[in-house]
Structure formats: structure tokens, C-alpha cells
Amino acid sequence: MKASHRSIVEKADLAVSDLVSDGGYLNEIQANTFIRMLIDQPTLINEIRVVPMNAPTMEINKIGFTSRILKAAPSAGTALSANDRSKPTTEQVTLTTKEVIAEVHIPYDVLEDNIERGRLEDTIMTLIAERASLDLEELLISGNTGSSDSYLALVDGILIQTSSHTVDYKSSPADVTKAVFKEGIKAMPNKYMRNRNAMRFYVSPDAETEYADSLADRATGLGDVKVTKLTPNYAYGVPVKSVALMPNDKYIFTYPKNMIMGVQRQIMIETDRDIRARVLIVVLTMRLDFQYEEEDASVKCMGLNPNDDFTTTTTA
């Protein structure tokens, strides 16, 4: 081998040797964006009815006839008696907003020395908005004025508010099969069952999986589809929908638009700088309340227990 060729080979050997001794064959390539941590995605908050409010308190009026108005006609020329006359029933839903707030401090050096090259502030703003949306859904579901958690104690959520119609398996926990949804439908007053496809069973992701698995056990085409494809689940014509923050042992059966979020102040995000502490301050505020339009048109099921390893909660 000529000297020049030998020199090239020796230099190559030296380069590879140095590279290996330094910990690897190639230097690590740093990504130019952060890998964003995944969070649960809100479901209910995107489907419920939102009512703008111009004051801290708002009343929504309801009117209707709750009983029969037709009577047997009396003889000609005779008016109905006072007892047979009908008048509409009026009710009100009262929304009273509470304020929620979030405050995030971002040090200057985090903004200056980051891999996103000046875009980190926008990324953090997006993450704040996404997380706030999920937190609102938590309040909608699990709010409890008796809670020791000051945030959840702001309002009663749908698990507390749903009280007129319940299906209770707590004394003997039930598998998530069609039977538990059948009982929910039977518990709902018939007058609300005119449009089942517009209603929803809101369950936890685990409960939805267990229900889909029960359908997959069928020796039919539907059973095969539940194993091989991701398809919507239905129980007696009603969509069964997964909600990330729904407790595993419960479901809510109602119309999505039956749940109201009253908003006095839309989400407001303001920023400031503390030049002495060298931080950017992001403050998010909002005023809101959650109520049912018609609590009578909702059913709560308690005591679901798909398998022995299923973790239940103590949320009301």
C-alpha cells in the first residue's frame, strides 16, 4: 500500500476510534422544537351549550305544559270549569358566575435559551389554553361545593347536579354491558326519549373499552368489527362516548346541549414582565357557571366495575 493510502486509512481509523471513545458514532442531533407532553383532550366542553352573560347573574326562563290540557267538552254554551282550565308552567335556571384564574411565570432565560428560537412564548400560550380547557371540563364534571379542593368547590358539576334519576350498582358493582345502559334508558322519563341519536352516554375511556369488548364477544360481523376497527359505540341507538375525566365507576346520560356553561367573561390572557425577577408573567382569567337546562332530563349511573382491576373513585 502506498504511503498516501496508508496515511488515509490510519487517519480514518483514528477518527473512528476517537468517535467511539467519545460515546457514539455520531453527535446527537437536537430537535428544534419541544416534544409536547400529551394531556387528556376535553370532550364535553366542546359539546355543551354556551350562554354569554353580561352580568354575574342571569336567569334563563322556561315555559311549557307539564300535564294534559285537553278535556271533554261540556255542553254547548258552557265554559270549562275553573278546575279544568290550563295554564303554562314557568321555571327559571339561574346562572351565577365564579371567577377562575391561572398565573404562569416564565423566566427570561427560558425564553432566550430555548430550542424553539423565539417561538417558545407562542407554544406556552397554546399549551396554557389547551390545559385551561381540560381544567374547565374537570370542573364541569367533578365540581363539588363540598370539596376540600378550592377549585372544585367553586360550583357543583354534573355528577352532583344529576340527582332526580339514578341507577345505583354500588352495592353490587356491574360489568359494563348493554344491561347497564338499558337501565339508564329506562330511568329517563319517556318524554325526553324522542331523539335518542342526539343523546349521549358519557363514560370513562376504560368503561367504553369494556363495553366495546362486550360487543366484540358476539359471534357476528359486529363482533369482528369491534376487534379489527375503531368504530363508534352505541347502546340502544344512543352513542356511548368516552370522556377522559369521567370517573371509571360512573356515567351520565343526557343531551349535550342540556348542559349550560354561562360565560360572563371569555378567557382573557394578559401578560406582564417583572424586570427585577426577570420573568414573563401570564395571567388567565374567566368568569363562568355550569347548570343543567333541565336536570330532569339526565340520568346518573353509579357502581360500574368492569373487572377486578378496575379503579373506581369516590366522586359523587
C-alpha atoms as a PDB file:
ATOM      1  CA  MET A   1       0.000   0.000   0.000  1.00  0.00           C
ATOM      2  CA  LYS A   2       1.309   3.351  -0.930  1.00  0.00           C
ATOM      3  CA  ALA A   3       2.193   5.753   1.879  1.00  0.00           C
ATOM      4  CA  SER A   4      -0.521   8.156   0.913  1.00  0.00           C
ATOM      5  CA  HIS A   5      -3.155   5.390   1.018  1.00  0.00           C
ATOM      6  CA  ARG A   6      -1.814   4.094   4.336  1.00  0.00           C
ATOM      7  CA  SER A   7      -1.976   7.585   5.787  1.00  0.00           C
ATOM      8  CA  ILE A   8      -5.596   7.972   4.778  1.00  0.00           C
ATOM      9  CA  VAL A   9      -6.532   4.625   6.340  1.00  0.00           C
ATOM     10  CA  GLU A  10      -4.683   5.414   9.570  1.00  0.00           C
ATOM     11  CA  LYS A  11      -6.388   8.784   9.820  1.00  0.00           C
ATOM     12  CA  ALA A  12      -9.765   7.109   9.268  1.00  0.00           C
ATOM     13  CA  ASP A  13      -9.028   4.528  11.973  1.00  0.00           C
ATOM     14  CA  LEU A  14      -8.020   7.329  14.320  1.00  0.00           C
ATOM     15  CA  ALA A  15     -11.172   9.283  13.592  1.00  0.00           C
ATOM     16  CA  VAL A  16     -13.441   6.277  14.229  1.00  0.00           C
ATOM     17  CA  SER A  17     -11.526   5.405  17.408  1.00  0.00           C
ATOM     18  CA  ASP A  18     -11.925   8.936  18.742  1.00  0.00           C
ATOM     19  CA  LEU A  19     -15.587   8.968  17.833  1.00  0.00           C
ATOM     20  CA  VAL A  20     -16.327   5.715  19.650  1.00  0.00           C
ATOM     21  CA  SER A  21     -14.351   6.740  22.734  1.00  0.00           C
ATOM     22  CA  ASP A  22     -16.344   9.967  22.899  1.00  0.00           C
ATOM     23  CA  GLY A  23     -19.552   7.991  23.395  1.00  0.00           C
ATOM     24  CA  GLY A  24     -21.025   7.317  19.987  1.00  0.00           C
ATOM     25  CA  TYR A  25     -20.609   7.240  16.284  1.00  0.00           C
ATOM     26  CA  LEU A  26     -22.491  10.449  15.619  1.00  0.00           C
ATOM     27  CA  ASN A  27     -23.162  13.547  17.623  1.00  0.00           C
ATOM     28  CA  GLU A  28     -26.768  13.737  18.801  1.00  0.00           C
ATOM     29  CA  ILE A  29     -28.966  15.934  16.646  1.00  0.00           C
ATOM     30  CA  GLN A  30     -31.076  18.206  18.796  1.00  0.00           C
ATOM     31  CA  ALA A  31     -34.661  18.706  17.690  1.00  0.00           C
ATOM     32  CA  ASN A  32     -35.623  22.314  17.056  1.00  0.00           C
ATOM     33  CA  THR A  33     -38.956  22.021  18.877  1.00  0.00           C
ATOM     34  CA  PHE A  34     -40.030  20.642  22.211  1.00  0.00           C
ATOM     35  CA  ILE A  35     -41.839  17.330  22.285  1.00  0.00           C
ATOM     36  CA  ARG A  36     -45.155  18.458  23.667  1.00  0.00           C
ATOM     37  CA  MET A  37     -46.444  16.444  26.598  1.00  0.00           C
ATOM     38  CA  LEU A  38     -49.787  14.910  25.770  1.00  0.00           C
ATOM     39  CA  ILE A  39     -52.735  15.669  28.022  1.00  0.00           C
ATOM     40  CA  ASP A  40     -56.265  14.349  28.096  1.00  0.00           C
ATOM     41  CA  GLN A  41     -58.406  16.026  25.481  1.00  0.00           C
ATOM     42  CA  PRO A  42     -61.659  17.674  26.555  1.00  0.00           C
ATOM     43  CA  THR A  43     -64.873  16.264  25.128  1.00  0.00           C
ATOM     44  CA  LEU A  44     -67.864  17.653  26.988  1.00  0.00           C
ATOM     45  CA  ILE A  45     -66.666  21.242  26.991  1.00  0.00           C
ATOM     46  CA  ASN A  46     -66.790  21.187  23.178  1.00  0.00           C
ATOM     47  CA  GLU A  47     -70.377  19.904  23.026  1.00  0.00           C
ATOM     48  CA  ILE A  48     -72.314  21.739  25.713  1.00  0.00           C
ATOM     49  CA  ARG A  49     -74.370  24.892  25.251  1.00  0.00           C
ATOM     50  CA  VAL A  50     -72.517  28.159  25.901  1.00  0.00           C
ATOM     51  CA  VAL A  51     -74.561  31.171  27.026  1.00  0.00           C
ATOM     52  CA  PRO A  52     -72.931  34.651  27.013  1.00  0.00           C
ATOM     53  CA  MET A  53     -73.663  36.707  30.138  1.00  0.00           C
ATOM     54  CA  ASN A  54     -73.468  40.458  30.622  1.00  0.00           C
ATOM     55  CA  ALA A  55     -73.700  40.308  34.416  1.00  0.00           C
ATOM     56  CA  PRO A  56     -72.629  37.970  37.226  1.00  0.00           C
ATOM     57  CA  THR A  57     -76.166  36.520  37.440  1.00  0.00           C
ATOM     58  CA  MET A  58     -78.520  35.519  34.644  1.00  0.00           C
ATOM     59  CA  GLU A  59     -81.914  33.834  34.629  1.00  0.00           C
ATOM     60  CA  ILE A  60     -82.998  31.618  31.731  1.00  0.00           C
ATOM     61  CA  ASN A  61     -86.773  31.309  31.573  1.00  0.00           C
ATOM     62  CA  LYS A  62     -88.570  28.087  30.709  1.00  0.00           C
ATOM     63  CA  ILE A  63     -92.238  27.649  29.855  1.00  0.00           C
ATOM     64  CA  GLY A  64     -94.398  24.662  28.966  1.00  0.00           C
ATOM     65  CA  PHE A  65     -97.353  22.481  29.882  1.00  0.00           C
ATOM     66  CA  THR A  66     -96.430  19.639  32.211  1.00  0.00           C
ATOM     67  CA  SER A  67     -99.811  17.857  32.153  1.00  0.00           C
ATOM     68  CA  ARG A  68    -102.775  17.212  29.852  1.00  0.00           C
ATOM     69  CA  ILE A  69    -104.630  20.301  28.611  1.00  0.00           C
ATOM     70  CA  LEU A  70    -107.400  18.614  26.584  1.00  0.00           C
ATOM     71  CA  LYS A  71    -110.654  17.929  28.418  1.00  0.00           C
ATOM     72  CA  ALA A  72    -114.001  16.500  27.494  1.00  0.00           C
ATOM     73  CA  ALA A  73    -116.014  19.382  26.066  1.00  0.00           C
ATOM     74  CA  PRO A  74    -119.042  20.461  28.133  1.00  0.00           C
ATOM     75  CA  SER A  75    -122.420  21.166  26.630  1.00  0.00           C
ATOM     76  CA  ALA A  76    -122.615  23.888  24.006  1.00  0.00           C
ATOM     77  CA  GLY A  77    -122.649  27.331  25.523  1.00  0.00           C
ATOM     78  CA  THR A  78    -120.957  26.156  28.721  1.00  0.00           C
ATOM     79  CA  ALA A  79    -117.398  27.156  29.539  1.00  0.00           C
ATOM     80  CA  LEU A  80    -114.880  24.867  31.153  1.00  0.00           C
ATOM     81  CA  SER A  81    -114.889  24.967  34.909  1.00  0.00           C
ATOM     82  CA  ALA A  82    -112.036  26.671  36.680  1.00  0.00           C
ATOM     83  CA  ASN A  83    -110.547  23.295  37.667  1.00  0.00           C
ATOM     84  CA  ASP A  84    -110.370  22.190  34.039  1.00  0.00           C
ATOM     85  CA  ARG A  85    -108.641  25.269  32.694  1.00  0.00           C
ATOM     86  CA  SER A  86    -104.920  25.052  31.895  1.00  0.00           C
ATOM     87  CA  LYS A  87    -102.055  27.456  32.279  1.00  0.00           C
ATOM     88  CA  PRO A  88     -98.405  27.039  31.348  1.00  0.00           C
ATOM     89  CA  THR A  89     -95.805  26.274  33.968  1.00  0.00           C
ATOM     90  CA  THR A  90     -92.869  28.654  34.127  1.00  0.00           C
ATOM     91  CA  GLU A  91     -89.473  27.961  35.664  1.00  0.00           C
ATOM     92  CA  GLN A  92     -86.066  29.586  35.723  1.00  0.00           C
ATOM     93  CA  VAL A  93     -82.477  28.390  35.513  1.00  0.00           C
ATOM     94  CA  THR A  94     -80.168  30.739  37.410  1.00  0.00           C
ATOM     95  CA  LEU A  95     -76.533  31.108  36.400  1.00  0.00           C
ATOM     96  CA  THR A  96     -74.184  32.748  38.897  1.00  0.00           C
ATOM     97  CA  THR A  97     -70.616  33.085  37.700  1.00  0.00           C
ATOM     98  CA  LYS A  98     -67.457  32.411  39.677  1.00  0.00           C
ATOM     99  CA  GLU A  99     -64.000  33.595  38.704  1.00  0.00           C
ATOM    100  CA  VAL A 100     -61.161  31.244  37.847  1.00  0.00           C
ATOM    101  CA  ILE A 101     -57.546  32.312  37.392  1.00  0.00           C
ATOM    102  CA  ALA A 102     -54.201  30.860  36.371  1.00  0.00           C
ATOM    103  CA  GLU A 103     -50.804  32.538  36.710  1.00  0.00           C
ATOM    104  CA  VAL A 104     -47.709  31.273  34.915  1.00  0.00           C
ATOM    105  CA  HIS A 105     -44.189  32.659  35.410  1.00  0.00           C
ATOM    106  CA  ILE A 106     -41.637  32.104  32.635  1.00  0.00           C
ATOM    107  CA  PRO A 107     -38.017  33.142  33.380  1.00  0.00           C
ATOM    108  CA  TYR A 108     -36.256  35.251  30.749  1.00  0.00           C
ATOM    109  CA  ASP A 109     -33.526  32.675  30.272  1.00  0.00           C
ATOM    110  CA  VAL A 110     -36.103  30.025  29.375  1.00  0.00           C
ATOM    111  CA  LEU A 111     -37.396  32.294  26.614  1.00  0.00           C
ATOM    112  CA  GLU A 112     -33.926  33.308  25.455  1.00  0.00           C
ATOM    113  CA  ASP A 113     -32.093  29.991  25.605  1.00  0.00           C
ATOM    114  CA  ASN A 114     -34.554  27.550  24.112  1.00  0.00           C
ATOM    115  CA  ILE A 115     -34.575  25.239  21.148  1.00  0.00           C
ATOM    116  CA  GLU A 116     -37.584  26.894  19.528  1.00  0.00           C
ATOM    117  CA  ARG A 117     -35.649  30.058  18.700  1.00  0.00           C
ATOM    118  CA  GLY A 118     -38.059  32.741  19.832  1.00  0.00           C
ATOM    119  CA  ARG A 119     -41.302  30.773  19.337  1.00  0.00           C
ATOM    120  CA  LEU A 120     -41.479  29.346  22.843  1.00  0.00           C
ATOM    121  CA  GLU A 121     -43.776  32.097  24.093  1.00  0.00           C
ATOM    122  CA  ASP A 122     -46.386  31.175  21.465  1.00  0.00           C
ATOM    123  CA  THR A 123     -46.000  27.497  22.308  1.00  0.00           C
ATOM    124  CA  ILE A 124     -46.559  28.136  26.009  1.00  0.00           C
ATOM    125  CA  MET A 125     -49.647  30.273  25.258  1.00  0.00           C
ATOM    126  CA  THR A 126     -51.122  27.423  23.233  1.00  0.00           C
ATOM    127  CA  LEU A 127     -50.384  24.920  25.988  1.00  0.00           C
ATOM    128  CA  ILE A 128     -51.985  27.186  28.593  1.00  0.00           C
ATOM    129  CA  ALA A 129     -55.177  27.444  26.548  1.00  0.00           C
ATOM    130  CA  GLU A 130     -55.322  23.686  25.997  1.00  0.00           C
ATOM    131  CA  ARG A 131     -54.766  22.916  29.661  1.00  0.00           C
ATOM    132  CA  ALA A 132     -57.350  25.506  30.758  1.00  0.00           C
ATOM    133  CA  SER A 133     -59.948  23.856  28.514  1.00  0.00           C
ATOM    134  CA  LEU A 134     -59.327  20.497  30.164  1.00  0.00           C
ATOM    135  CA  ASP A 135     -59.475  22.070  33.628  1.00  0.00           C
ATOM    136  CA  LEU A 136     -62.873  23.587  32.785  1.00  0.00           C
ATOM    137  CA  GLU A 137     -64.130  20.141  31.831  1.00  0.00           C
ATOM    138  CA  GLU A 138     -62.905  18.799  35.162  1.00  0.00           C
ATOM    139  CA  LEU A 139     -64.954  21.472  36.922  1.00  0.00           C
ATOM    140  CA  LEU A 140     -67.989  20.706  34.755  1.00  0.00           C
ATOM    141  CA  ILE A 141     -67.827  17.014  35.671  1.00  0.00           C
ATOM    142  CA  SER A 142     -66.416  16.861  39.203  1.00  0.00           C
ATOM    143  CA  GLY A 143     -67.226  20.265  40.702  1.00  0.00           C
ATOM    144  CA  ASN A 144     -68.477  19.878  44.270  1.00  0.00           C
ATOM    145  CA  THR A 145     -69.142  22.827  46.580  1.00  0.00           C
ATOM    146  CA  GLY A 146     -68.407  20.500  49.488  1.00  0.00           C
ATOM    147  CA  SER A 147     -64.950  19.615  48.198  1.00  0.00           C
ATOM    148  CA  SER A 148     -61.755  20.406  50.097  1.00  0.00           C
ATOM    149  CA  ASP A 149     -60.246  21.383  46.724  1.00  0.00           C
ATOM    150  CA  SER A 150     -60.873  25.121  46.430  1.00  0.00           C
ATOM    151  CA  TYR A 151     -61.099  24.959  42.638  1.00  0.00           C
ATOM    152  CA  LEU A 152     -63.611  22.098  42.522  1.00  0.00           C
ATOM    153  CA  ALA A 153     -65.567  23.775  45.341  1.00  0.00           C
ATOM    154  CA  LEU A 154     -66.459  26.728  43.092  1.00  0.00           C
ATOM    155  CA  VAL A 155     -69.534  25.022  41.596  1.00  0.00           C
ATOM    156  CA  ASP A 156     -71.435  21.756  41.647  1.00  0.00           C
ATOM    157  CA  GLY A 157     -70.703  19.818  38.474  1.00  0.00           C
ATOM    158  CA  ILE A 158     -72.972  17.433  36.607  1.00  0.00           C
ATOM    159  CA  LEU A 159     -72.163  14.444  38.831  1.00  0.00           C
ATOM    160  CA  ILE A 160     -73.538  16.358  41.818  1.00  0.00           C
ATOM    161  CA  GLN A 161     -76.374  18.087  39.965  1.00  0.00           C
ATOM    162  CA  THR A 162     -77.740  14.850  38.462  1.00  0.00           C
ATOM    163  CA  SER A 163     -79.950  13.594  41.262  1.00  0.00           C
ATOM    164  CA  SER A 164     -83.549  13.068  40.064  1.00  0.00           C
ATOM    165  CA  HIS A 165     -82.847   9.858  38.152  1.00  0.00           C
ATOM    166  CA  THR A 166     -80.079   7.458  39.161  1.00  0.00           C
ATOM    167  CA  VAL A 167     -79.049   3.861  38.527  1.00  0.00           C
ATOM    168  CA  ASP A 168     -77.135   2.529  41.514  1.00  0.00           C
ATOM    169  CA  TYR A 169     -74.952  -0.575  41.357  1.00  0.00           C
ATOM    170  CA  LYS A 170     -72.700   0.387  44.269  1.00  0.00           C
ATOM    171  CA  SER A 171     -73.878  -2.469  46.471  1.00  0.00           C
ATOM    172  CA  SER A 172     -73.180  -4.947  43.666  1.00  0.00           C
ATOM    173  CA  PRO A 173     -70.812  -3.447  41.055  1.00  0.00           C
ATOM    174  CA  ALA A 174     -71.881  -4.122  37.482  1.00  0.00           C
ATOM    175  CA  ASP A 175     -69.944  -5.077  34.372  1.00  0.00           C
ATOM    176  CA  VAL A 176     -70.162  -2.545  31.544  1.00  0.00           C
ATOM    177  CA  THR A 177     -72.516  -4.358  29.196  1.00  0.00           C
ATOM    178  CA  LYS A 178     -75.670  -3.367  27.368  1.00  0.00           C
ATOM    179  CA  ALA A 179     -77.630  -4.079  30.559  1.00  0.00           C
ATOM    180  CA  VAL A 180     -76.279  -1.035  32.426  1.00  0.00           C
ATOM    181  CA  PHE A 181     -77.224   1.261  29.541  1.00  0.00           C
ATOM    182  CA  LYS A 182     -80.675  -0.334  29.286  1.00  0.00           C
ATOM    183  CA  GLU A 183     -81.293   0.627  32.912  1.00  0.00           C
ATOM    184  CA  GLY A 184     -80.201   4.197  32.193  1.00  0.00           C
ATOM    185  CA  ILE A 185     -82.680   4.462  29.340  1.00  0.00           C
ATOM    186  CA  LYS A 186     -85.466   3.043  31.491  1.00  0.00           C
ATOM    187  CA  ALA A 187     -84.644   5.587  34.217  1.00  0.00           C
ATOM    188  CA  MET A 188     -85.028   8.508  31.785  1.00  0.00           C
ATOM    189  CA  PRO A 189     -88.573   9.937  31.576  1.00  0.00           C
ATOM    190  CA  ASN A 190     -90.190   8.884  28.296  1.00  0.00           C
ATOM    191  CA  LYS A 191     -90.857  12.449  27.177  1.00  0.00           C
ATOM    192  CA  TYR A 192     -87.120  13.048  26.653  1.00  0.00           C
ATOM    193  CA  MET A 193     -86.566   9.918  24.557  1.00  0.00           C
ATOM    194  CA  ARG A 194     -87.864  11.234  21.231  1.00  0.00           C
ATOM    195  CA  ASN A 195     -84.411  11.679  19.677  1.00  0.00           C
ATOM    196  CA  ARG A 196     -82.049   9.056  21.037  1.00  0.00           C
ATOM    197  CA  ASN A 197     -79.341   9.754  18.481  1.00  0.00           C
ATOM    198  CA  ALA A 198     -78.984  13.289  19.885  1.00  0.00           C
ATOM    199  CA  MET A 199     -78.441  11.942  23.403  1.00  0.00           C
ATOM    200  CA  ARG A 200     -75.189  10.621  24.845  1.00  0.00           C
ATOM    201  CA  PHE A 201     -73.940   8.137  27.386  1.00  0.00           C
ATOM    202  CA  TYR A 202     -70.782   9.824  28.713  1.00  0.00           C
ATOM    203  CA  VAL A 203     -68.429   7.194  30.139  1.00  0.00           C
ATOM    204  CA  SER A 204     -64.756   6.896  31.032  1.00  0.00           C
ATOM    205  CA  PRO A 205     -62.316   5.594  28.377  1.00  0.00           C
ATOM    206  CA  ASP A 206     -61.915   2.323  30.290  1.00  0.00           C
ATOM    207  CA  ALA A 207     -65.670   1.843  30.542  1.00  0.00           C
ATOM    208  CA  GLU A 208     -66.055   2.470  26.801  1.00  0.00           C
ATOM    209  CA  THR A 209     -63.345  -0.102  26.086  1.00  0.00           C
ATOM    210  CA  GLU A 210     -65.046  -2.683  28.295  1.00  0.00           C
ATOM    211  CA  TYR A 211     -68.381  -2.061  26.574  1.00  0.00           C
ATOM    212  CA  ALA A 212     -66.769  -2.398  23.132  1.00  0.00           C
ATOM    213  CA  ASP A 213     -65.168  -5.630  24.337  1.00  0.00           C
ATOM    214  CA  SER A 214     -68.553  -6.979  25.373  1.00  0.00           C
ATOM    215  CA  LEU A 215     -69.794  -6.283  21.838  1.00  0.00           C
ATOM    216  CA  ALA A 216     -66.668  -7.907  20.374  1.00  0.00           C
ATOM    217  CA  ASP A 217     -67.593 -11.172  22.116  1.00  0.00           C
ATOM    218  CA  ARG A 218     -70.583 -11.538  19.814  1.00  0.00           C
ATOM    219  CA  ALA A 219     -70.125 -14.175  17.110  1.00  0.00           C
ATOM    220  CA  THR A 220     -71.353 -11.756  14.463  1.00  0.00           C
ATOM    221  CA  GLY A 221     -69.997  -9.249  11.973  1.00  0.00           C
ATOM    222  CA  LEU A 222     -70.333  -6.562  14.629  1.00  0.00           C
ATOM    223  CA  GLY A 223     -68.107  -8.577  16.951  1.00  0.00           C
ATOM    224  CA  ASP A 224     -65.409  -8.839  14.279  1.00  0.00           C
ATOM    225  CA  VAL A 225     -65.567  -5.103  13.530  1.00  0.00           C
ATOM    226  CA  LYS A 226     -65.153  -4.185  17.218  1.00  0.00           C
ATOM    227  CA  VAL A 227     -61.887  -6.134  17.319  1.00  0.00           C
ATOM    228  CA  THR A 228     -60.430  -5.034  13.993  1.00  0.00           C
ATOM    229  CA  LYS A 229     -61.579  -1.424  13.617  1.00  0.00           C
ATOM    230  CA  LEU A 230     -62.108   1.724  15.635  1.00  0.00           C
ATOM    231  CA  THR A 231     -65.838   2.376  15.317  1.00  0.00           C
ATOM    232  CA  PRO A 232     -68.371   4.393  17.364  1.00  0.00           C
ATOM    233  CA  ASN A 233     -70.210   2.505  20.078  1.00  0.00           C
ATOM    234  CA  TYR A 234     -73.974   2.620  20.566  1.00  0.00           C
ATOM    235  CA  ALA A 235     -76.365   1.307  23.180  1.00  0.00           C
ATOM    236  CA  TYR A 236     -79.974   1.057  22.045  1.00  0.00           C
ATOM    237  CA  GLY A 237     -79.431   3.790  19.467  1.00  0.00           C
ATOM    238  CA  VAL A 238     -77.628   6.171  21.849  1.00  0.00           C
ATOM    239  CA  PRO A 239     -73.932   6.969  21.209  1.00  0.00           C
ATOM    240  CA  VAL A 240     -71.615   5.845  24.007  1.00  0.00           C
ATOM    241  CA  LYS A 241     -68.916   8.496  24.187  1.00  0.00           C
ATOM    242  CA  SER A 242     -65.603   8.449  26.034  1.00  0.00           C
ATOM    243  CA  VAL A 243     -64.807  11.382  28.348  1.00  0.00           C
ATOM    244  CA  ALA A 244     -61.270  11.423  29.743  1.00  0.00           C
ATOM    245  CA  LEU A 245     -62.135  12.840  33.167  1.00  0.00           C
ATOM    246  CA  MET A 246     -65.328  10.888  33.820  1.00  0.00           C
ATOM    247  CA  PRO A 247     -64.821   8.628  36.863  1.00  0.00           C
ATOM    248  CA  ASN A 248     -64.487   4.980  35.916  1.00  0.00           C
ATOM    249  CA  ASP A 249     -67.423   3.875  38.026  1.00  0.00           C
ATOM    250  CA  LYS A 250     -69.994   6.327  36.638  1.00  0.00           C
ATOM    251  CA  TYR A 251     -71.722   7.551  33.517  1.00  0.00           C
ATOM    252  CA  ILE A 252     -74.047  10.439  32.682  1.00  0.00           C
ATOM    253  CA  PHE A 253     -76.928  10.036  30.229  1.00  0.00           C
ATOM    254  CA  THR A 254     -78.352  13.241  28.789  1.00  0.00           C
ATOM    255  CA  TYR A 255     -78.437  15.636  25.830  1.00  0.00           C
ATOM    256  CA  PRO A 256     -75.160  17.555  25.328  1.00  0.00           C
ATOM    257  CA  LYS A 257     -76.997  20.874  24.907  1.00  0.00           C
ATOM    258  CA  ASN A 258     -78.857  20.228  28.153  1.00  0.00           C
ATOM    259  CA  MET A 259     -75.634  21.261  29.914  1.00  0.00           C
ATOM    260  CA  ILE A 260     -75.084  25.019  30.014  1.00  0.00           C
ATOM    261  CA  MET A 261     -71.864  26.935  30.541  1.00  0.00           C
ATOM    262  CA  GLY A 262     -72.678  30.545  31.370  1.00  0.00           C
ATOM    263  CA  VAL A 263     -69.758  32.797  30.463  1.00  0.00           C
ATOM    264  CA  GLN A 264     -69.640  36.349  31.791  1.00  0.00           C
ATOM    265  CA  ARG A 265     -66.078  36.873  30.680  1.00  0.00           C
ATOM    266  CA  GLN A 266     -64.453  34.890  27.900  1.00  0.00           C
ATOM    267  CA  ILE A 267     -60.985  33.522  28.600  1.00  0.00           C
ATOM    268  CA  MET A 268     -58.740  36.557  28.974  1.00  0.00           C
ATOM    269  CA  ILE A 269     -54.985  36.079  28.721  1.00  0.00           C
ATOM    270  CA  GLU A 270     -52.816  39.006  29.761  1.00  0.00           C
ATOM    271  CA  THR A 271     -49.058  39.275  30.057  1.00  0.00           C
ATOM    272  CA  ASP A 272     -46.685  41.413  32.088  1.00  0.00           C
ATOM    273  CA  ARG A 273     -42.988  41.475  32.944  1.00  0.00           C
ATOM    274  CA  ASP A 274     -41.270  41.586  36.283  1.00  0.00           C
ATOM    275  CA  ILE A 275     -37.948  43.145  35.351  1.00  0.00           C
ATOM    276  CA  ARG A 276     -36.469  42.634  38.816  1.00  0.00           C
ATOM    277  CA  ALA A 277     -37.277  38.924  38.927  1.00  0.00           C
ATOM    278  CA  ARG A 278     -36.636  38.691  35.157  1.00  0.00           C
ATOM    279  CA  VAL A 279     -39.784  36.729  34.383  1.00  0.00           C
ATOM    280  CA  LEU A 280     -42.659  36.956  31.948  1.00  0.00           C
ATOM    281  CA  ILE A 281     -45.997  36.689  33.761  1.00  0.00           C
ATOM    282  CA  VAL A 282     -49.011  35.179  32.015  1.00  0.00           C
ATOM    283  CA  VAL A 283     -52.397  35.545  33.757  1.00  0.00           C
ATOM    284  CA  LEU A 284     -55.541  33.792  32.541  1.00  0.00           C
ATOM    285  CA  THR A 285     -58.948  34.687  33.989  1.00  0.00           C
ATOM    286  CA  MET A 286     -62.541  33.750  33.268  1.00  0.00           C
ATOM    287  CA  ARG A 287     -65.971  34.044  34.931  1.00  0.00           C
ATOM    288  CA  LEU A 288     -68.375  31.141  34.439  1.00  0.00           C
ATOM    289  CA  ASP A 289     -71.006  28.797  35.832  1.00  0.00           C
ATOM    290  CA  PHE A 290     -72.376  25.372  34.900  1.00  0.00           C
ATOM    291  CA  GLN A 291     -76.028  24.355  35.127  1.00  0.00           C
ATOM    292  CA  TYR A 292     -78.458  21.928  33.570  1.00  0.00           C
ATOM    293  CA  GLU A 293     -81.206  23.454  31.485  1.00  0.00           C
ATOM    294  CA  GLU A 294     -83.436  20.559  32.549  1.00  0.00           C
ATOM    295  CA  GLU A 295     -81.966  18.418  35.302  1.00  0.00           C
ATOM    296  CA  ASP A 296     -84.940  16.080  34.931  1.00  0.00           C
ATOM    297  CA  ALA A 297     -83.551  15.110  31.516  1.00  0.00           C
ATOM    298  CA  SER A 298     -80.420  13.483  32.947  1.00  0.00           C
ATOM    299  CA  VAL A 299     -79.533  10.127  34.479  1.00  0.00           C
ATOM    300  CA  LYS A 300     -76.508   9.223  36.589  1.00  0.00           C
ATOM    301  CA  CYS A 301     -75.246   5.663  36.876  1.00  0.00           C
ATOM    302  CA  MET A 302     -73.020   4.668  39.796  1.00  0.00           C
ATOM    303  CA  GLY A 303     -71.156   1.499  40.685  1.00  0.00           C
ATOM    304  CA  LEU A 304     -69.740   0.345  37.357  1.00  0.00           C
ATOM    305  CA  ASN A 305     -66.977  -2.207  37.795  1.00  0.00           C
ATOM    306  CA  PRO A 306     -65.892  -3.882  34.550  1.00  0.00           C
ATOM    307  CA  ASN A 307     -63.261  -6.102  36.167  1.00  0.00           C
ATOM    308  CA  ASP A 308     -61.435  -6.724  39.426  1.00  0.00           C
ATOM    309  CA  ASP A 309     -58.544  -4.447  38.481  1.00  0.00           C
ATOM    310  CA  PHE A 310     -60.798  -1.521  37.633  1.00  0.00           C
ATOM    311  CA  THR A 311     -60.058   1.531  39.760  1.00  0.00           C
ATOM    312  CA  THR A 312     -63.133   3.359  40.969  1.00  0.00           C
ATOM    313  CA  THR A 313     -63.392   6.796  42.500  1.00  0.00           C
ATOM    314  CA  THR A 314     -65.349   8.379  45.304  1.00  0.00           C
ATOM    315  CA  THR A 315     -66.667  11.317  43.297  1.00  0.00           C
ATOM    316  CA  ALA A 316     -70.388  11.844  43.916  1.00  0.00           C
END
